[in-house]
């Protein structure tokens, strides 16, 4: 029995993971800028087309599967004038052409990297400036939207049976 509010432990004796560390770099016109750590990672979900076939003679439905798609990835962080403003125009011109590498790393209870990172490479398809509202006290956030290439990176040699 687990005490109320106590972390639920897995069979390995570790608590569930909290949040991650997201880093990003952008390459455009031969210049690579390491933009550092971001606050959020949303998207990059991996889905496949849902293909089904029914054989003649009232045969049972057969699931065939289909092509895999990695959805667009949006990463964001607070807009720090000293850190981010100098890249605003450069990022705006890189949309549609800039090569992006975004990396998500799980952190353990001590804040150290745990396991293999998730690595997404692709094209920068959106740079969203912070919203403005004179009646709001919200933190100004900016976003980068990435159209992923190929497969999600990480350990290509993973074998769940080992």
C-alpha atoms as a PDB file:
ATOM      1  CA  UNK A   1       0.000   0.000   0.000  1.00  0.00           C
ATOM      2  CA  UNK A   2       1.298   3.490  -0.883  1.00  0.00           C
ATOM      3  CA  UNK A   3       0.959   6.508   1.370  1.00  0.00           C
ATOM      4  CA  UNK A   4      -1.144   9.357  -0.006  1.00  0.00           C
ATOM      5  CA  UNK A   5       1.105  11.785  -1.884  1.00  0.00           C
ATOM      6  CA  UNK A   6       4.052   9.353  -2.018  1.00  0.00           C
ATOM      7  CA  UNK A   7       5.577   8.807  -5.458  1.00  0.00           C
ATOM      8  CA  UNK A   8       4.515   5.612  -7.168  1.00  0.00           C
ATOM      9  CA  UNK A   9       7.598   3.485  -7.649  1.00  0.00           C
ATOM     10  CA  UNK A  10       8.208   1.196 -10.593  1.00  0.00           C
ATOM     11  CA  UNK A  11       9.635  -2.292 -10.354  1.00  0.00           C
ATOM     12  CA  UNK A  12      13.095  -0.721 -10.675  1.00  0.00           C
ATOM     13  CA  UNK A  13      12.543   1.427  -7.593  1.00  0.00           C
ATOM     14  CA  UNK A  14      12.534   4.786  -9.367  1.00  0.00           C
ATOM     15  CA  UNK A  15       9.768   7.368  -9.318  1.00  0.00           C
ATOM     16  CA  UNK A  16       7.997   8.420 -12.503  1.00  0.00           C
ATOM     17  CA  UNK A  17       9.778  11.102 -14.509  1.00  0.00           C
ATOM     18  CA  UNK A  18       8.752  14.743 -14.090  1.00  0.00           C
ATOM     19  CA  UNK A  19       9.693  17.109 -16.887  1.00  0.00           C
ATOM     20  CA  UNK A  20      12.490  17.101 -19.434  1.00  0.00           C
ATOM     21  CA  UNK A  21      15.250  19.323 -20.676  1.00  0.00           C
ATOM     22  CA  UNK A  22      14.709  20.526 -24.237  1.00  0.00           C
ATOM     23  CA  UNK A  23      17.560  22.073 -26.228  1.00  0.00           C
ATOM     24  CA  UNK A  24      17.581  23.444 -29.762  1.00  0.00           C
ATOM     25  CA  UNK A  25      20.013  24.593 -32.430  1.00  0.00           C
ATOM     26  CA  UNK A  26      19.205  26.161 -35.818  1.00  0.00           C
ATOM     27  CA  UNK A  27      21.451  26.208 -38.902  1.00  0.00           C
ATOM     28  CA  UNK A  28      20.711  28.745 -41.628  1.00  0.00           C
ATOM     29  CA  UNK A  29      22.982  30.070 -44.402  1.00  0.00           C
ATOM     30  CA  UNK A  30      26.006  28.295 -42.941  1.00  0.00           C
ATOM     31  CA  UNK A  31      25.543  29.698 -39.423  1.00  0.00           C
ATOM     32  CA  UNK A  32      24.573  27.453 -36.521  1.00  0.00           C
ATOM     33  CA  UNK A  33      23.088  29.057 -33.433  1.00  0.00           C
ATOM     34  CA  UNK A  34      22.721  27.037 -30.243  1.00  0.00           C
ATOM     35  CA  UNK A  35      19.563  28.538 -28.766  1.00  0.00           C
ATOM     36  CA  UNK A  36      19.959  26.650 -25.496  1.00  0.00           C
ATOM     37  CA  UNK A  37      17.235  25.293 -23.237  1.00  0.00           C
ATOM     38  CA  UNK A  38      13.504  25.582 -23.996  1.00  0.00           C
ATOM     39  CA  UNK A  39      10.581  25.230 -21.598  1.00  0.00           C
ATOM     40  CA  UNK A  40       8.046  23.185 -23.572  1.00  0.00           C
ATOM     41  CA  UNK A  41       7.955  20.407 -26.196  1.00  0.00           C
ATOM     42  CA  UNK A  42       4.596  19.782 -27.809  1.00  0.00           C
ATOM     43  CA  UNK A  43       3.893  17.468 -30.714  1.00  0.00           C
ATOM     44  CA  UNK A  44       6.273  15.194 -32.623  1.00  0.00           C
ATOM     45  CA  UNK A  45       3.765  12.426 -31.985  1.00  0.00           C
ATOM     46  CA  UNK A  46       4.319   9.407 -34.191  1.00  0.00           C
ATOM     47  CA  UNK A  47       1.286   8.023 -35.988  1.00  0.00           C
ATOM     48  CA  UNK A  48       0.564   5.731 -38.915  1.00  0.00           C
ATOM     49  CA  UNK A  49      -2.239   5.620 -41.446  1.00  0.00           C
ATOM     50  CA  UNK A  50      -5.048   3.323 -40.382  1.00  0.00           C
ATOM     51  CA  UNK A  51      -5.332   0.876 -43.270  1.00  0.00           C
ATOM     52  CA  UNK A  52      -7.816  -2.009 -43.102  1.00  0.00           C
ATOM     53  CA  UNK A  53      -8.847  -4.620 -45.628  1.00  0.00           C
ATOM     54  CA  UNK A  54     -11.763  -7.026 -45.671  1.00  0.00           C
ATOM     55  CA  UNK A  55     -11.210 -10.138 -47.719  1.00  0.00           C
ATOM     56  CA  UNK A  56     -13.901 -11.431 -50.007  1.00  0.00           C
ATOM     57  CA  UNK A  57     -16.455 -13.998 -48.912  1.00  0.00           C
ATOM     58  CA  UNK A  58     -17.186 -12.073 -45.726  1.00  0.00           C
ATOM     59  CA  UNK A  59     -13.651 -12.687 -44.500  1.00  0.00           C
ATOM     60  CA  UNK A  60     -12.409 -11.024 -41.329  1.00  0.00           C
ATOM     61  CA  UNK A  61     -10.954  -7.556 -41.288  1.00  0.00           C
ATOM     62  CA  UNK A  62      -7.154  -7.458 -41.595  1.00  0.00           C
ATOM     63  CA  UNK A  63      -5.129  -4.546 -40.226  1.00  0.00           C
ATOM     64  CA  UNK A  64      -2.364  -3.642 -42.659  1.00  0.00           C
ATOM     65  CA  UNK A  65      -0.937  -0.474 -41.117  1.00  0.00           C
ATOM     66  CA  UNK A  66       0.455   2.274 -43.247  1.00  0.00           C
ATOM     67  CA  UNK A  67       3.042   4.983 -43.669  1.00  0.00           C
ATOM     68  CA  UNK A  68       4.400   6.535 -40.468  1.00  0.00           C
ATOM     69  CA  UNK A  69       4.166  10.290 -39.888  1.00  0.00           C
ATOM     70  CA  UNK A  70       5.930  12.417 -37.296  1.00  0.00           C
ATOM     71  CA  UNK A  71       3.703  15.379 -36.475  1.00  0.00           C
ATOM     72  CA  UNK A  72       5.100  18.904 -36.326  1.00  0.00           C
ATOM     73  CA  UNK A  73       6.972  19.802 -33.148  1.00  0.00           C
ATOM     74  CA  UNK A  74       6.483  23.103 -31.298  1.00  0.00           C
ATOM     75  CA  UNK A  75       8.994  24.162 -28.665  1.00  0.00           C
ATOM     76  CA  UNK A  76       8.690  27.346 -26.638  1.00  0.00           C
ATOM     77  CA  UNK A  77      10.263  29.352 -23.854  1.00  0.00           C
ATOM     78  CA  UNK A  78       9.996  32.718 -22.174  1.00  0.00           C
ATOM     79  CA  UNK A  79      11.233  35.602 -24.319  1.00  0.00           C
ATOM     80  CA  UNK A  80      14.295  37.084 -22.642  1.00  0.00           C
ATOM     81  CA  UNK A  81      15.243  40.374 -24.311  1.00  0.00           C
ATOM     82  CA  UNK A  82      18.988  39.999 -23.710  1.00  0.00           C
ATOM     83  CA  UNK A  83      19.056  36.347 -24.798  1.00  0.00           C
ATOM     84  CA  UNK A  84      16.443  36.131 -27.579  1.00  0.00           C
ATOM     85  CA  UNK A  85      15.873  39.515 -29.191  1.00  0.00           C
ATOM     86  CA  UNK A  86      19.176  39.416 -31.104  1.00  0.00           C
ATOM     87  CA  UNK A  87      17.951  36.302 -32.990  1.00  0.00           C
ATOM     88  CA  UNK A  88      14.407  37.484 -33.813  1.00  0.00           C
ATOM     89  CA  UNK A  89      15.049  38.709 -37.378  1.00  0.00           C
ATOM     90  CA  UNK A  90      17.477  35.883 -38.135  1.00  0.00           C
ATOM     91  CA  UNK A  91      14.919  33.262 -37.058  1.00  0.00           C
ATOM     92  CA  UNK A  92      12.178  35.005 -39.052  1.00  0.00           C
ATOM     93  CA  UNK A  93      14.240  34.775 -42.252  1.00  0.00           C
ATOM     94  CA  UNK A  94      15.194  31.134 -41.504  1.00  0.00           C
ATOM     95  CA  UNK A  95      11.533  30.004 -41.592  1.00  0.00           C
ATOM     96  CA  UNK A  96      11.042  27.542 -44.453  1.00  0.00           C
ATOM     97  CA  UNK A  97      14.791  27.021 -44.905  1.00  0.00           C
ATOM     98  CA  UNK A  98      16.606  26.653 -41.575  1.00  0.00           C
ATOM     99  CA  UNK A  99      17.724  23.204 -40.432  1.00  0.00           C
ATOM    100  CA  UNK A 100      16.745  22.514 -36.819  1.00  0.00           C
ATOM    101  CA  UNK A 101      17.886  19.956 -34.263  1.00  0.00           C
ATOM    102  CA  UNK A 102      15.724  19.703 -31.142  1.00  0.00           C
ATOM    103  CA  UNK A 103      16.726  17.338 -28.347  1.00  0.00           C
ATOM    104  CA  UNK A 104      14.613  16.163 -25.415  1.00  0.00           C
ATOM    105  CA  UNK A 105      16.402  14.516 -22.498  1.00  0.00           C
ATOM    106  CA  UNK A 106      14.750  12.902 -19.523  1.00  0.00           C
ATOM    107  CA  UNK A 107      16.202  13.956 -16.187  1.00  0.00           C
ATOM    108  CA  UNK A 108      16.485  11.892 -13.015  1.00  0.00           C
ATOM    109  CA  UNK A 109      15.669  13.125  -9.514  1.00  0.00           C
ATOM    110  CA  UNK A 110      19.076  14.872  -9.351  1.00  0.00           C
ATOM    111  CA  UNK A 111      18.551  16.690 -12.659  1.00  0.00           C
ATOM    112  CA  UNK A 112      21.062  14.467 -14.498  1.00  0.00           C
ATOM    113  CA  UNK A 113      20.455  13.059 -17.981  1.00  0.00           C
ATOM    114  CA  UNK A 114      18.729   9.670 -17.942  1.00  0.00           C
ATOM    115  CA  UNK A 115      18.689   7.268 -20.891  1.00  0.00           C
ATOM    116  CA  UNK A 116      18.900   8.119 -24.569  1.00  0.00           C
ATOM    117  CA  UNK A 117      17.617  11.495 -25.770  1.00  0.00           C
ATOM    118  CA  UNK A 118      14.815  11.982 -28.303  1.00  0.00           C
ATOM    119  CA  UNK A 119      16.299  13.873 -31.256  1.00  0.00           C
ATOM    120  CA  UNK A 120      14.177  15.576 -33.907  1.00  0.00           C
ATOM    121  CA  UNK A 121      15.769  17.122 -37.004  1.00  0.00           C
ATOM    122  CA  UNK A 122      13.837  19.034 -39.613  1.00  0.00           C
ATOM    123  CA  UNK A 123      12.989  22.368 -41.181  1.00  0.00           C
ATOM    124  CA  UNK A 124      11.968  25.462 -39.229  1.00  0.00           C
ATOM    125  CA  UNK A 125       8.423  26.144 -40.461  1.00  0.00           C
ATOM    126  CA  UNK A 126       7.358  28.665 -37.856  1.00  0.00           C
ATOM    127  CA  UNK A 127       8.775  31.376 -35.622  1.00  0.00           C
ATOM    128  CA  UNK A 128       6.070  32.825 -33.411  1.00  0.00           C
ATOM    129  CA  UNK A 129       6.839  36.054 -31.603  1.00  0.00           C
ATOM    130  CA  UNK A 130       5.356  36.558 -28.128  1.00  0.00           C
ATOM    131  CA  UNK A 131       1.766  37.775 -27.963  1.00  0.00           C
ATOM    132  CA  UNK A 132       1.139  41.300 -26.726  1.00  0.00           C
ATOM    133  CA  UNK A 133      -1.633  42.390 -24.384  1.00  0.00           C
ATOM    134  CA  UNK A 134      -1.371  45.583 -22.317  1.00  0.00           C
ATOM    135  CA  UNK A 135      -3.907  44.175 -19.812  1.00  0.00           C
ATOM    136  CA  UNK A 136      -1.993  40.951 -19.188  1.00  0.00           C
ATOM    137  CA  UNK A 137       0.705  40.038 -16.705  1.00  0.00           C
ATOM    138  CA  UNK A 138       1.477  36.758 -18.499  1.00  0.00           C
ATOM    139  CA  UNK A 139       5.036  35.778 -19.363  1.00  0.00           C
ATOM    140  CA  UNK A 140       5.947  36.565 -22.979  1.00  0.00           C
ATOM    141  CA  UNK A 141       6.643  33.244 -24.743  1.00  0.00           C
ATOM    142  CA  UNK A 142       8.000  32.580 -28.216  1.00  0.00           C
ATOM    143  CA  UNK A 143       7.739  29.388 -30.240  1.00  0.00           C
ATOM    144  CA  UNK A 144       9.643  27.520 -32.910  1.00  0.00           C
ATOM    145  CA  UNK A 145       7.681  25.080 -35.092  1.00  0.00           C
ATOM    146  CA  UNK A 146       9.612  22.249 -36.728  1.00  0.00           C
ATOM    147  CA  UNK A 147       8.598  19.948 -39.602  1.00  0.00           C
ATOM    148  CA  UNK A 148      10.483  16.711 -38.723  1.00  0.00           C
ATOM    149  CA  UNK A 149      12.627  14.669 -41.101  1.00  0.00           C
ATOM    150  CA  UNK A 150      12.690  10.868 -41.244  1.00  0.00           C
ATOM    151  CA  UNK A 151      12.738   8.885 -38.032  1.00  0.00           C
ATOM    152  CA  UNK A 152      13.018  10.049 -34.448  1.00  0.00           C
ATOM    153  CA  UNK A 153      16.650   9.861 -33.361  1.00  0.00           C
ATOM    154  CA  UNK A 154      18.101   8.209 -30.310  1.00  0.00           C
ATOM    155  CA  UNK A 155      19.403   4.707 -29.862  1.00  0.00           C
ATOM    156  CA  UNK A 156      18.909   2.891 -33.154  1.00  0.00           C
ATOM    157  CA  UNK A 157      20.255  -0.318 -31.609  1.00  0.00           C
ATOM    158  CA  UNK A 158      17.561  -0.666 -28.919  1.00  0.00           C
ATOM    159  CA  UNK A 159      16.390  -4.226 -28.461  1.00  0.00           C
ATOM    160  CA  UNK A 160      13.437  -4.569 -26.054  1.00  0.00           C
ATOM    161  CA  UNK A 161      14.136  -8.277 -25.678  1.00  0.00           C
ATOM    162  CA  UNK A 162      17.610  -7.752 -24.267  1.00  0.00           C
END
